[in-house]
Amino acid sequence: MHLTSDNKFKKLVVIGDRVLIRPSRPHERTESGLYLPPGVHEKEKVQQGYVIKTGPGYAIPMPVDEEPWKHQDEQVRYVPLQAREGDIAIFLLSGATEVLYEGEKYFIVPQSAILMLEREEEI
């Protein structure tokens, strides 16, 4: 299978309460017109980016019933995450893990490190 921009993330499985975020391109200069060197935005404590993929959520522990007559279903249930694909997330860089995937930089962030989400649809 040839990977394209449409399907290159289909092979990735995000685990648990994690979110895959592509950082947005920082502004190269300040409002007053000064050009910033590379790396200045990377040292900030808060970053923003686009949510690419989300994990299933927080796993709900299953009750332990050891009764032999019951059918054994190993269905895990999850509490879903607030973040959705396409959201803009503002997150703490200290809780994020930076990864390179196909030459691009991404962050894997637990939902607890996300401070705010911007979504196109109205609440």
PDB file of N, CA and C in Angstrom:
ATOM      1  N   MET A   1       0.838  -1.183   0.000  1.00  0.00           N
ATOM      2  CA  MET A   1       0.000   0.000   0.000  1.00  0.00           C
ATOM      3  C   MET A   1       0.872   1.232   0.000  1.00  0.00           C
ATOM      4  N   HIS A   2       0.622   2.144  -0.894  1.00  0.00           N
ATOM      5  CA  HIS A   2       1.380   3.386  -0.989  1.00  0.00           C
ATOM      6  C   HIS A   2       0.777   4.428  -0.045  1.00  0.00           C
ATOM      7  N   LEU A   3       1.616   5.038   0.792  1.00  0.00           N
ATOM      8  CA  LEU A   3       1.128   6.025   1.745  1.00  0.00           C
ATOM      9  C   LEU A   3       0.968   7.377   1.076  1.00  0.00           C
ATOM     10  N   THR A   4      -0.167   7.983   1.278  1.00  0.00           N
ATOM     11  CA  THR A   4      -0.418   9.342   0.795  1.00  0.00           C
ATOM     12  C   THR A   4      -0.760  10.215   1.992  1.00  0.00           C
ATOM     13  N   SER A   5      -0.995  11.497   1.738  1.00  0.00           N
ATOM     14  CA  SER A   5      -1.351  12.389   2.841  1.00  0.00           C
ATOM     15  C   SER A   5      -2.705  12.005   3.432  1.00  0.00           C
ATOM     16  N   ASP A   6      -3.549  11.329   2.632  1.00  0.00           N
ATOM     17  CA  ASP A   6      -4.859  10.936   3.131  1.00  0.00           C
ATOM     18  C   ASP A   6      -4.796   9.723   4.046  1.00  0.00           C
ATOM     19  N   ASN A   7      -3.901   8.787   3.770  1.00  0.00           N
ATOM     20  CA  ASN A   7      -3.917   7.547   4.535  1.00  0.00           C
ATOM     21  C   ASN A   7      -2.649   7.284   5.346  1.00  0.00           C
ATOM     22  N   LYS A   8      -1.747   8.223   5.450  1.00  0.00           N
ATOM     23  CA  LYS A   8      -0.495   7.922   6.147  1.00  0.00           C
ATOM     24  C   LYS A   8      -0.674   7.755   7.657  1.00  0.00           C
ATOM     25  N   PHE A   9      -1.778   8.227   8.209  1.00  0.00           N
ATOM     26  CA  PHE A   9      -2.011   8.071   9.643  1.00  0.00           C
ATOM     27  C   PHE A   9      -2.905   6.888   9.964  1.00  0.00           C
ATOM     28  N   LYS A  10      -3.401   6.189   8.955  1.00  0.00           N
ATOM     29  CA  LYS A  10      -4.277   5.048   9.204  1.00  0.00           C
ATOM     30  C   LYS A  10      -3.534   3.897   9.864  1.00  0.00           C
ATOM     31  N   LYS A  11      -2.237   3.823   9.668  1.00  0.00           N
ATOM     32  CA  LYS A  11      -1.445   2.758  10.285  1.00  0.00           C
ATOM     33  C   LYS A  11      -1.144   3.046  11.751  1.00  0.00           C
ATOM     34  N   LEU A  12      -1.287   4.286  12.165  1.00  0.00           N
ATOM     35  CA  LEU A  12      -0.961   4.661  13.541  1.00  0.00           C
ATOM     36  C   LEU A  12      -2.147   4.385  14.463  1.00  0.00           C
ATOM     37  N   VAL A  13      -1.848   3.809  15.612  1.00  0.00           N
ATOM     38  CA  VAL A  13      -2.852   3.575  16.641  1.00  0.00           C
ATOM     39  C   VAL A  13      -2.389   4.335  17.878  1.00  0.00           C
ATOM     40  N   VAL A  14      -3.172   5.310  18.284  1.00  0.00           N
ATOM     41  CA  VAL A  14      -2.852   6.093  19.481  1.00  0.00           C
ATOM     42  C   VAL A  14      -3.477   5.365  20.668  1.00  0.00           C
ATOM     43  N   ILE A  15      -2.704   5.195  21.719  1.00  0.00           N
ATOM     44  CA  ILE A  15      -3.090   4.371  22.855  1.00  0.00           C
ATOM     45  C   ILE A  15      -3.704   5.214  23.978  1.00  0.00           C
ATOM     46  N   GLY A  16      -4.774   4.706  24.571  1.00  0.00           N
ATOM     47  CA  GLY A  16      -5.358   5.275  25.785  1.00  0.00           C
ATOM     48  C   GLY A  16      -5.801   6.712  25.660  1.00  0.00           C
ATOM     49  N   ASP A  17      -5.364   7.531  26.595  1.00  0.00           N
ATOM     50  CA  ASP A  17      -5.791   8.925  26.652  1.00  0.00           C
ATOM     51  C   ASP A  17      -4.800   9.858  25.957  1.00  0.00           C
ATOM     52  N   ARG A  18      -4.067   9.350  24.990  1.00  0.00           N
ATOM     53  CA  ARG A  18      -3.075  10.154  24.282  1.00  0.00           C
ATOM     54  C   ARG A  18      -3.670  10.779  23.028  1.00  0.00           C
ATOM     55  N   VAL A  19      -3.067  11.883  22.598  1.00  0.00           N
ATOM     56  CA  VAL A  19      -3.510  12.614  21.416  1.00  0.00           C
ATOM     57  C   VAL A  19      -2.275  12.912  20.572  1.00  0.00           C
ATOM     58  N   LEU A  20      -2.359  12.696  19.256  1.00  0.00           N
ATOM     59  CA  LEU A  20      -1.277  13.020  18.332  1.00  0.00           C
ATOM     60  C   LEU A  20      -1.543  14.416  17.782  1.00  0.00           C
ATOM     61  N   ILE A  21      -0.579  15.323  17.973  1.00  0.00           N
ATOM     62  CA  ILE A  21      -0.742  16.724  17.587  1.00  0.00           C
ATOM     63  C   ILE A  21       0.379  17.132  16.649  1.00  0.00           C
ATOM     64  N   ARG A  22       0.011  17.782  15.536  1.00  0.00           N
ATOM     65  CA  ARG A  22       0.996  18.383  14.629  1.00  0.00           C
ATOM     66  C   ARG A  22       1.131  19.843  15.038  1.00  0.00           C
ATOM     67  N   PRO A  23       2.336  20.281  15.418  1.00  0.00           N
ATOM     68  CA  PRO A  23       2.487  21.673  15.855  1.00  0.00           C
ATOM     69  C   PRO A  23       2.214  22.634  14.705  1.00  0.00           C
ATOM     70  N   SER A  24       1.572  23.738  15.038  1.00  0.00           N
ATOM     71  CA  SER A  24       1.330  24.756  14.017  1.00  0.00           C
ATOM     72  C   SER A  24       2.621  25.516  13.774  1.00  0.00           C
ATOM     73  N   ARG A  25       2.720  26.096  12.621  1.00  0.00           N
ATOM     74  CA  ARG A  25       3.926  26.853  12.267  1.00  0.00           C
ATOM     75  C   ARG A  25       3.958  28.154  13.058  1.00  0.00           C
ATOM     76  N   PRO A  26       4.999  28.371  13.856  1.00  0.00           N
ATOM     77  CA  PRO A  26       5.066  29.612  14.637  1.00  0.00           C
ATOM     78  C   PRO A  26       5.363  30.807  13.732  1.00  0.00           C
ATOM     79  N   HIS A  27       4.984  31.952  14.221  1.00  0.00           N
ATOM     80  CA  HIS A  27       5.291  33.182  13.487  1.00  0.00           C
ATOM     81  C   HIS A  27       6.798  33.415  13.545  1.00  0.00           C
ATOM     82  N   GLU A  28       7.380  33.800  12.438  1.00  0.00           N
ATOM     83  CA  GLU A  28       8.831  33.972  12.380  1.00  0.00           C
ATOM     84  C   GLU A  28       9.283  35.320  12.904  1.00  0.00           C
ATOM     85  N   ARG A  29       8.333  36.226  13.087  1.00  0.00           N
ATOM     86  CA  ARG A  29       8.733  37.519  13.646  1.00  0.00           C
ATOM     87  C   ARG A  29       7.670  38.007  14.613  1.00  0.00           C
ATOM     88  N   THR A  30       8.086  38.923  15.472  1.00  0.00           N
ATOM     89  CA  THR A  30       7.197  39.461  16.486  1.00  0.00           C
ATOM     90  C   THR A  30       6.286  40.509  15.868  1.00  0.00           C
ATOM     91  N   GLU A  31       5.325  40.993  16.655  1.00  0.00           N
ATOM     92  CA  GLU A  31       4.408  42.018  16.175  1.00  0.00           C
ATOM     93  C   GLU A  31       5.131  43.325  15.828  1.00  0.00           C
ATOM     94  N   SER A  32       6.258  43.571  16.505  1.00  0.00           N
ATOM     95  CA  SER A  32       7.008  44.797  16.217  1.00  0.00           C
ATOM     96  C   SER A  32       7.928  44.658  15.009  1.00  0.00           C
ATOM     97  N   GLY A  33       8.030  43.447  14.427  1.00  0.00           N
ATOM     98  CA  GLY A  33       8.802  43.261  13.212  1.00  0.00           C
ATOM     99  C   GLY A  33      10.149  42.588  13.394  1.00  0.00           C
ATOM    100  N   LEU A  34      10.496  42.184  14.613  1.00  0.00           N
ATOM    101  CA  LEU A  34      11.778  41.505  14.837  1.00  0.00           C
ATOM    102  C   LEU A  34      11.682  40.052  14.385  1.00  0.00           C
ATOM    103  N   TYR A  35      12.686  39.590  13.661  1.00  0.00           N
ATOM    104  CA  TYR A  35      12.736  38.193  13.246  1.00  0.00           C
ATOM    105  C   TYR A  35      13.295  37.345  14.376  1.00  0.00           C
ATOM    106  N   LEU A  36      12.638  36.252  14.650  1.00  0.00           N
ATOM    107  CA  LEU A  36      13.049  35.362  15.732  1.00  0.00           C
ATOM    108  C   LEU A  36      13.876  34.212  15.186  1.00  0.00           C
ATOM    109  N   PRO A  37      14.954  33.838  15.885  1.00  0.00           N
ATOM    110  CA  PRO A  37      15.757  32.696  15.430  1.00  0.00           C
ATOM    111  C   PRO A  37      15.008  31.389  15.664  1.00  0.00           C
ATOM    112  N   PRO A  38      15.362  30.356  14.887  1.00  0.00           N
ATOM    113  CA  PRO A  38      14.716  29.053  15.097  1.00  0.00           C
ATOM    114  C   PRO A  38      14.987  28.548  16.510  1.00  0.00           C
ATOM    115  N   GLY A  39      14.022  27.901  17.099  1.00  0.00           N
ATOM    116  CA  GLY A  39      14.191  27.350  18.444  1.00  0.00           C
ATOM    117  C   GLY A  39      13.599  28.202  19.537  1.00  0.00           C
ATOM    118  N   VAL A  40      13.263  29.462  19.257  1.00  0.00           N
ATOM    119  CA  VAL A  40      12.700  30.314  20.295  1.00  0.00           C
ATOM    120  C   VAL A  40      11.336  29.788  20.723  1.00  0.00           C
ATOM    121  N   HIS A  41      10.490  29.430  19.767  1.00  0.00           N
ATOM    122  CA  HIS A  41       9.156  28.939  20.100  1.00  0.00           C
ATOM    123  C   HIS A  41       9.209  27.563  20.747  1.00  0.00           C
ATOM    124  N   GLU A  42      10.230  26.795  20.454  1.00  0.00           N
ATOM    125  CA  GLU A  42      10.343  25.459  21.033  1.00  0.00           C
ATOM    126  C   GLU A  42      10.677  25.506  22.516  1.00  0.00           C
ATOM    127  N   LYS A  43      11.196  26.630  23.005  1.00  0.00           N
ATOM    128  CA  LYS A  43      11.552  26.753  24.413  1.00  0.00           C
ATOM    129  C   LYS A  43      10.390  27.264  25.257  1.00  0.00           C
ATOM    130  N   GLU A  44       9.278  27.644  24.628  1.00  0.00           N
ATOM    131  CA  GLU A  44       8.130  28.116  25.383  1.00  0.00           C
ATOM    132  C   GLU A  44       7.480  26.949  26.118  1.00  0.00           C
ATOM    133  N   LYS A  45       6.780  27.258  27.203  1.00  0.00           N
ATOM    134  CA  LYS A  45       6.154  26.225  28.008  1.00  0.00           C
ATOM    135  C   LYS A  45       4.840  25.734  27.419  1.00  0.00           C
ATOM    136  N   VAL A  46       4.201  26.579  26.599  1.00  0.00           N
ATOM    137  CA  VAL A  46       2.914  26.243  26.013  1.00  0.00           C
ATOM    138  C   VAL A  46       3.048  26.268  24.498  1.00  0.00           C
ATOM    139  N   GLN A  47       2.498  25.253  23.826  1.00  0.00           N
ATOM    140  CA  GLN A  47       2.529  25.161  22.370  1.00  0.00           C
ATOM    141  C   GLN A  47       1.101  24.992  21.865  1.00  0.00           C
ATOM    142  N   GLN A  48       0.935  25.142  20.564  1.00  0.00           N
ATOM    143  CA  GLN A  48      -0.367  24.863  19.966  1.00  0.00           C
ATOM    144  C   GLN A  48      -0.173  24.069  18.695  1.00  0.00           C
ATOM    145  N   GLY A  49      -1.210  23.315  18.340  1.00  0.00           N
ATOM    146  CA  GLY A  49      -1.139  22.517  17.136  1.00  0.00           C
ATOM    147  C   GLY A  49      -2.486  21.895  16.825  1.00  0.00           C
ATOM    148  N   TYR A  50      -2.505  21.132  15.736  1.00  0.00           N
ATOM    149  CA  TYR A  50      -3.735  20.508  15.254  1.00  0.00           C
ATOM    150  C   TYR A  50      -3.799  19.057  15.705  1.00  0.00           C
ATOM    151  N   VAL A  51      -4.945  18.646  16.214  1.00  0.00           N
ATOM    152  CA  VAL A  51      -5.148  17.257  16.634  1.00  0.00           C
ATOM    153  C   VAL A  51      -5.293  16.406  15.382  1.00  0.00           C
ATOM    154  N   ILE A  52      -4.389  15.448  15.207  1.00  0.00           N
ATOM    155  CA  ILE A  52      -4.384  14.568  14.048  1.00  0.00           C
ATOM    156  C   ILE A  52      -5.140  13.278  14.348  1.00  0.00           C
ATOM    157  N   LYS A  53      -4.852  12.679  15.498  1.00  0.00           N
ATOM    158  CA  LYS A  53      -5.492  11.418  15.899  1.00  0.00           C
ATOM    159  C   LYS A  53      -5.630  11.384  17.404  1.00  0.00           C
ATOM    160  N   THR A  54      -6.649  10.684  17.876  1.00  0.00           N
ATOM    161  CA  THR A  54      -6.844  10.534  19.316  1.00  0.00           C
ATOM    162  C   THR A  54      -6.931   9.056  19.674  1.00  0.00           C
ATOM    163  N   GLY A  55      -6.613   8.765  20.906  1.00  0.00           N
ATOM    164  CA  GLY A  55      -6.775   7.409  21.420  1.00  0.00           C
ATOM    165  C   GLY A  55      -8.228   7.161  21.793  1.00  0.00           C
ATOM    166  N   PRO A  56      -8.554   5.952  22.233  1.00  0.00           N
ATOM    167  CA  PRO A  56      -9.946   5.634  22.558  1.00  0.00           C
ATOM    168  C   PRO A  56     -10.444   6.304  23.828  1.00  0.00           C
ATOM    169  N   GLY A  57      -9.565   6.652  24.746  1.00  0.00           N
ATOM    170  CA  GLY A  57      -9.979   7.308  25.985  1.00  0.00           C
ATOM    171  C   GLY A  57      -9.444   6.583  27.202  1.00  0.00           C
ATOM    172  N   TYR A  58     -10.088   6.857  28.327  1.00  0.00           N
ATOM    173  CA  TYR A  58      -9.703   6.237  29.593  1.00  0.00           C
ATOM    174  C   TYR A  58     -10.426   4.897  29.726  1.00  0.00           C
ATOM    175  N   ALA A  59      -9.686   3.838  29.963  1.00  0.00           N
ATOM    176  CA  ALA A  59     -10.285   2.508  30.101  1.00  0.00           C
ATOM    177  C   ALA A  59     -11.067   2.418  31.409  1.00  0.00           C
ATOM    178  N   ILE A  60     -12.265   1.837  31.332  1.00  0.00           N
ATOM    179  CA  ILE A  60     -13.097   1.615  32.519  1.00  0.00           C
ATOM    180  C   ILE A  60     -12.807   0.210  33.020  1.00  0.00           C
ATOM    181  N   PRO A  61     -12.421   0.077  34.286  1.00  0.00           N
ATOM    182  CA  PRO A  61     -12.151  -1.275  34.795  1.00  0.00           C
ATOM    183  C   PRO A  61     -13.417  -2.129  34.780  1.00  0.00           C
ATOM    184  N   MET A  62     -13.257  -3.359  34.348  1.00  0.00           N
ATOM    185  CA  MET A  62     -14.376  -4.297  34.290  1.00  0.00           C
ATOM    186  C   MET A  62     -14.501  -4.986  35.647  1.00  0.00           C
ATOM    187  N   PRO A  63     -15.728  -5.219  36.117  1.00  0.00           N
ATOM    188  CA  PRO A  63     -15.887  -5.939  37.388  1.00  0.00           C
ATOM    189  C   PRO A  63     -15.425  -7.387  37.238  1.00  0.00           C
ATOM    190  N   VAL A  64     -14.877  -7.908  38.294  1.00  0.00           N
ATOM    191  CA  VAL A  64     -14.369  -9.285  38.269  1.00  0.00           C
ATOM    192  C   VAL A  64     -15.485 -10.216  38.716  1.00  0.00           C
ATOM    193  N   ASP A  65     -16.023 -10.955  37.784  1.00  0.00           N
ATOM    194  CA  ASP A  65     -17.049 -11.956  38.072  1.00  0.00           C
ATOM    195  C   ASP A  65     -16.500 -13.309  37.655  1.00  0.00           C
ATOM    196  N   GLU A  66     -16.222 -14.131  38.605  1.00  0.00           N
ATOM    197  CA  GLU A  66     -15.688 -15.442  38.271  1.00  0.00           C
ATOM    198  C   GLU A  66     -16.765 -16.500  38.426  1.00  0.00           C
ATOM    199  N   GLU A  67     -17.831 -16.339  37.683  1.00  0.00           N
ATOM    200  CA  GLU A  67     -18.902 -17.317  37.706  1.00  0.00           C
ATOM    201  C   GLU A  67     -18.824 -18.111  36.402  1.00  0.00           C
ATOM    202  N   PRO A  68     -18.687 -19.427  36.478  1.00  0.00           N
ATOM    203  CA  PRO A  68     -18.451 -20.237  35.282  1.00  0.00           C
ATOM    204  C   PRO A  68     -19.606 -20.241  34.289  1.00  0.00           C
ATOM    205  N   TRP A  69     -20.819 -19.945  34.716  1.00  0.00           N
ATOM    206  CA  TRP A  69     -21.961 -19.981  33.815  1.00  0.00           C
ATOM    207  C   TRP A  69     -22.072 -18.731  32.954  1.00  0.00           C
ATOM    208  N   LYS A  70     -21.347 -17.665  33.309  1.00  0.00           N
ATOM    209  CA  LYS A  70     -21.417 -16.427  32.527  1.00  0.00           C
ATOM    210  C   LYS A  70     -20.527 -16.532  31.297  1.00  0.00           C
ATOM    211  N   HIS A  71     -20.977 -15.909  30.226  1.00  0.00           N
ATOM    212  CA  HIS A  71     -20.192 -15.869  28.987  1.00  0.00           C
ATOM    213  C   HIS A  71     -19.046 -14.879  29.158  1.00  0.00           C
ATOM    214  N   GLN A  72     -17.858 -15.295  28.796  1.00  0.00           N
ATOM    215  CA  GLN A  72     -16.677 -14.451  28.965  1.00  0.00           C
ATOM    216  C   GLN A  72     -16.523 -13.496  27.791  1.00  0.00           C
ATOM    217  N   ASP A  73     -16.930 -12.275  27.949  1.00  0.00           N
ATOM    218  CA  ASP A  73     -16.714 -11.230  26.940  1.00  0.00           C
ATOM    219  C   ASP A  73     -15.631 -10.291  27.439  1.00  0.00           C
ATOM    220  N   GLU A  74     -14.588 -10.175  26.689  1.00  0.00           N
ATOM    221  CA  GLU A  74     -13.485  -9.289  27.041  1.00  0.00           C
ATOM    222  C   GLU A  74     -13.618  -7.963  26.303  1.00  0.00           C
ATOM    223  N   GLN A  75     -14.752  -7.321  26.448  1.00  0.00           N
ATOM    224  CA  GLN A  75     -14.954  -6.044  25.784  1.00  0.00           C
ATOM    225  C   GLN A  75     -14.542  -4.926  26.733  1.00  0.00           C
ATOM    226  N   VAL A  76     -13.556  -4.190  26.325  1.00  0.00           N
ATOM    227  CA  VAL A  76     -13.076  -3.071  27.119  1.00  0.00           C
ATOM    228  C   VAL A  76     -13.924  -1.856  26.764  1.00  0.00           C
ATOM    229  N   ARG A  77     -14.332  -1.125  27.778  1.00  0.00           N
ATOM    230  CA  ARG A  77     -15.077   0.102  27.541  1.00  0.00           C
ATOM    231  C   ARG A  77     -14.209   1.286  27.926  1.00  0.00           C
ATOM    232  N   TYR A  78     -14.457   2.408  27.253  1.00  0.00           N
ATOM    233  CA  TYR A  78     -13.641   3.603  27.455  1.00  0.00           C
ATOM    234  C   TYR A  78     -14.518   4.825  27.708  1.00  0.00           C
ATOM    235  N   VAL A  79     -13.993   5.750  28.509  1.00  0.00           N
ATOM    236  CA  VAL A  79     -14.571   7.086  28.627  1.00  0.00           C
ATOM    237  C   VAL A  79     -13.904   7.896  27.527  1.00  0.00           C
ATOM    238  N   PRO A  80     -14.666   8.436  26.566  1.00  0.00           N
ATOM    239  CA  PRO A  80     -14.041   9.114  25.425  1.00  0.00           C
ATOM    240  C   PRO A  80     -13.342  10.414  25.823  1.00  0.00           C
ATOM    241  N   LEU A  81     -12.417  10.823  24.977  1.00  0.00           N
ATOM    242  CA  LEU A  81     -11.667  12.061  25.202  1.00  0.00           C
ATOM    243  C   LEU A  81     -12.457  13.258  24.693  1.00  0.00           C
ATOM    244  N   GLN A  82     -12.132  14.444  25.214  1.00  0.00           N
ATOM    245  CA  GLN A  82     -12.762  15.663  24.722  1.00  0.00           C
ATOM    246  C   GLN A  82     -12.175  16.090  23.385  1.00  0.00           C
ATOM    247  N   ALA A  83     -10.895  15.828  23.175  1.00  0.00           N
ATOM    248  CA  ALA A  83     -10.232  16.237  21.936  1.00  0.00           C
ATOM    249  C   ALA A  83     -10.745  15.398  20.767  1.00  0.00           C
ATOM    250  N   ARG A  84     -10.934  16.057  19.612  1.00  0.00           N
ATOM    251  CA  ARG A  84     -11.355  15.375  18.387  1.00  0.00           C
ATOM    252  C   ARG A  84     -10.403  15.755  17.262  1.00  0.00           C
ATOM    253  N   GLU A  85     -10.371  14.915  16.238  1.00  0.00           N
ATOM    254  CA  GLU A  85      -9.528  15.194  15.086  1.00  0.00           C
ATOM    255  C   GLU A  85      -9.961  16.520  14.452  1.00  0.00           C
ATOM    256  N   GLY A  86      -8.982  17.363  14.151  1.00  0.00           N
ATOM    257  CA  GLY A  86      -9.258  18.656  13.543  1.00  0.00           C
ATOM    258  C   GLY A  86      -9.287  19.814  14.527  1.00  0.00           C
ATOM    259  N   ASP A  87      -9.349  19.523  15.818  1.00  0.00           N
ATOM    260  CA  ASP A  87      -9.333  20.594  16.815  1.00  0.00           C
ATOM    261  C   ASP A  87      -7.965  21.256  16.856  1.00  0.00           C
ATOM    262  N   ILE A  88      -7.937  22.492  17.303  1.00  0.00           N
ATOM    263  CA  ILE A  88      -6.675  23.169  17.599  1.00  0.00           C
ATOM    264  C   ILE A  88      -6.485  23.058  19.104  1.00  0.00           C
ATOM    265  N   ALA A  89      -5.356  22.504  19.526  1.00  0.00           N
ATOM    266  CA  ALA A  89      -5.093  22.266  20.941  1.00  0.00           C
ATOM    267  C   ALA A  89      -3.967  23.158  21.428  1.00  0.00           C
ATOM    268  N   ILE A  90      -4.150  23.715  22.603  1.00  0.00           N
ATOM    269  CA  ILE A  90      -3.086  24.435  23.301  1.00  0.00           C
ATOM    270  C   ILE A  90      -2.694  23.537  24.462  1.00  0.00           C
ATOM    271  N   PHE A  91      -1.410  23.160  24.515  1.00  0.00           N
ATOM    272  CA  PHE A  91      -0.976  22.142  25.467  1.00  0.00           C
ATOM    273  C   PHE A  91       0.336  22.520  26.128  1.00  0.00           C
ATOM    274  N   LEU A  92       0.591  21.886  27.268  1.00  0.00           N
ATOM    275  CA  LEU A  92       1.845  22.078  28.002  1.00  0.00           C
ATOM    276  C   LEU A  92       2.940  21.248  27.343  1.00  0.00           C
ATOM    277  N   LEU A  93       4.014  21.884  27.014  1.00  0.00           N
ATOM    278  CA  LEU A  93       5.124  21.194  26.361  1.00  0.00           C
ATOM    279  C   LEU A  93       5.808  20.224  27.316  1.00  0.00           C
ATOM    280  N   SER A  94       5.739  20.492  28.619  1.00  0.00           N
ATOM    281  CA  SER A  94       6.398  19.608  29.586  1.00  0.00           C
ATOM    282  C   SER A  94       5.750  18.228  29.639  1.00  0.00           C
ATOM    283  N   GLY A  95       4.469  18.111  29.282  1.00  0.00           N
ATOM    284  CA  GLY A  95       3.798  16.820  29.295  1.00  0.00           C
ATOM    285  C   GLY A  95       3.838  16.098  27.968  1.00  0.00           C
ATOM    286  N   ALA A  96       4.418  16.726  26.948  1.00  0.00           N
ATOM    287  CA  ALA A  96       4.398  16.172  25.594  1.00  0.00           C
ATOM    288  C   ALA A  96       5.675  15.380  25.295  1.00  0.00           C
ATOM    289  N   THR A  97       5.531  14.426  24.376  1.00  0.00           N
ATOM    290  CA  THR A  97       6.672  13.666  23.869  1.00  0.00           C
ATOM    291  C   THR A  97       6.796  13.967  22.389  1.00  0.00           C
ATOM    292  N   GLU A  98       7.955  14.453  21.980  1.00  0.00           N
ATOM    293  CA  GLU A  98       8.181  14.803  20.577  1.00  0.00           C
ATOM    294  C   GLU A  98       8.594  13.563  19.804  1.00  0.00           C
ATOM    295  N   VAL A  99       7.967  13.357  18.640  1.00  0.00           N
ATOM    296  CA  VAL A  99       8.312  12.245  17.766  1.00  0.00           C
ATOM    297  C   VAL A  99       8.437  12.747  16.335  1.00  0.00           C
ATOM    298  N   LEU A 100       9.271  12.056  15.552  1.00  0.00           N
ATOM    299  CA  LEU A 100       9.381  12.339  14.127  1.00  0.00           C
ATOM    300  C   LEU A 100       8.729  11.190  13.383  1.00  0.00           C
ATOM    301  N   TYR A 101       7.790  11.512  12.490  1.00  0.00           N
ATOM    302  CA  TYR A 101       7.114  10.499  11.693  1.00  0.00           C
ATOM    303  C   TYR A 101       7.148  10.952  10.246  1.00  0.00           C
ATOM    304  N   GLU A 102       7.816  10.185   9.419  1.00  0.00           N
ATOM    305  CA  GLU A 102       7.992  10.480   8.005  1.00  0.00           C
ATOM    306  C   GLU A 102       8.547  11.891   7.784  1.00  0.00           C
ATOM    307  N   GLY A 103       9.532  12.251   8.592  1.00  0.00           N
ATOM    308  CA  GLY A 103      10.234  13.518   8.423  1.00  0.00           C
ATOM    309  C   GLY A 103       9.532  14.729   9.006  1.00  0.00           C
ATOM    310  N   GLU A 104       8.375  14.567   9.635  1.00  0.00           N
ATOM    311  CA  GLU A 104       7.667  15.687  10.237  1.00  0.00           C
ATOM    312  C   GLU A 104       7.625  15.521  11.745  1.00  0.00           C
ATOM    313  N   LYS A 105       7.606  16.661  12.433  1.00  0.00           N
ATOM    314  CA  LYS A 105       7.591  16.655  13.893  1.00  0.00           C
ATOM    315  C   LYS A 105       6.151  16.648  14.400  1.00  0.00           C
ATOM    316  N   TYR A 106       5.880  15.767  15.374  1.00  0.00           N
ATOM    317  CA  TYR A 106       4.582  15.663  16.021  1.00  0.00           C
ATOM    318  C   TYR A 106       4.801  15.559  17.521  1.00  0.00           C
ATOM    319  N   PHE A 107       3.738  15.774  18.274  1.00  0.00           N
ATOM    320  CA  PHE A 107       3.769  15.585  19.718  1.00  0.00           C
ATOM    321  C   PHE A 107       2.705  14.574  20.105  1.00  0.00           C
ATOM    322  N   ILE A 108       3.075  13.669  21.020  1.00  0.00           N
ATOM    323  CA  ILE A 108       2.110  12.774  21.641  1.00  0.00           C
ATOM    324  C   ILE A 108       1.857  13.355  23.028  1.00  0.00           C
ATOM    325  N   VAL A 109       0.606  13.732  23.262  1.00  0.00           N
ATOM    326  CA  VAL A 109       0.264  14.489  24.462  1.00  0.00           C
ATOM    327  C   VAL A 109      -0.856  13.767  25.212  1.00  0.00           C
ATOM    328  N   PRO A 110      -0.710  13.570  26.537  1.00  0.00           N
ATOM    329  CA  PRO A 110      -1.848  13.039  27.292  1.00  0.00           C
ATOM    330  C   PRO A 110      -2.933  14.113  27.392  1.00  0.00           C
ATOM    331  N   GLN A 111      -4.170  13.690  27.466  1.00  0.00           N
ATOM    332  CA  GLN A 111      -5.244  14.685  27.514  1.00  0.00           C
ATOM    333  C   GLN A 111      -5.095  15.606  28.719  1.00  0.00           C
ATOM    334  N   SER A 112      -4.512  15.130  29.803  1.00  0.00           N
ATOM    335  CA  SER A 112      -4.343  15.969  30.996  1.00  0.00           C
ATOM    336  C   SER A 112      -3.400  17.145  30.749  1.00  0.00           C
ATOM    337  N   ALA A 113      -2.562  17.099  29.710  1.00  0.00           N
ATOM    338  CA  ALA A 113      -1.648  18.199  29.404  1.00  0.00           C
ATOM    339  C   ALA A 113      -2.257  19.220  28.437  1.00  0.00           C
ATOM    340  N   ILE A 114      -3.452  18.929  27.920  1.00  0.00           N
ATOM    341  CA  ILE A 114      -4.116  19.874  27.019  1.00  0.00           C
ATOM    342  C   ILE A 114      -4.872  20.896  27.858  1.00  0.00           C
ATOM    343  N   LEU A 115      -4.599  22.165  27.605  1.00  0.00           N
ATOM    344  CA  LEU A 115      -5.211  23.239  28.380  1.00  0.00           C
ATOM    345  C   LEU A 115      -6.519  23.733  27.767  1.00  0.00           C
ATOM    346  N   MET A 116      -6.570  23.774  26.425  1.00  0.00           N
ATOM    347  CA  MET A 116      -7.729  24.338  25.767  1.00  0.00           C
ATOM    348  C   MET A 116      -7.834  23.787  24.355  1.00  0.00           C
ATOM    349  N   LEU A 117      -9.064  23.656  23.873  1.00  0.00           N
ATOM    350  CA  LEU A 117      -9.332  23.195  22.509  1.00  0.00           C
ATOM    351  C   LEU A 117     -10.161  24.257  21.783  1.00  0.00           C
ATOM    352  N   GLU A 118      -9.861  24.445  20.500  1.00  0.00           N
ATOM    353  CA  GLU A 118     -10.678  25.309  19.654  1.00  0.00           C
ATOM    354  C   GLU A 118     -11.294  24.408  18.593  1.00  0.00           C
ATOM    355  N   ARG A 119     -12.634  24.463  18.513  1.00  0.00           N
ATOM    356  CA  ARG A 119     -13.364  23.597  17.592  1.00  0.00           C
ATOM    357  C   ARG A 119     -14.232  24.460  16.701  1.00  0.00           C
ATOM    358  N   GLU A 120     -14.357  24.062  15.450  1.00  0.00           N
ATOM    359  CA  GLU A 120     -15.131  24.839  14.466  1.00  0.00           C
ATOM    360  C   GLU A 120     -16.621  24.844  14.757  1.00  0.00           C
ATOM    361  N   GLU A 121     -17.155  23.729  15.256  1.00  0.00           N
ATOM    362  CA  GLU A 121     -18.599  23.661  15.474  1.00  0.00           C
ATOM    363  C   GLU A 121     -18.988  24.423  16.740  1.00  0.00           C
ATOM    364  N   GLU A 122     -20.228  24.883  16.775  1.00  0.00           N
ATOM    365  CA  GLU A 122     -20.725  25.627  17.932  1.00  0.00           C
ATOM    366  C   GLU A 122     -21.176  24.666  19.019  1.00  0.00           C
ATOM    367  N   ILE A 123     -21.052  25.108  20.248  1.00  0.00           N
ATOM    368  CA  ILE A 123     -21.430  24.274  21.392  1.00  0.00           C
ATOM    369  C   ILE A 123     -22.922  24.370  21.631  1.00  0.00           C
TER     370      ILE A 123
END
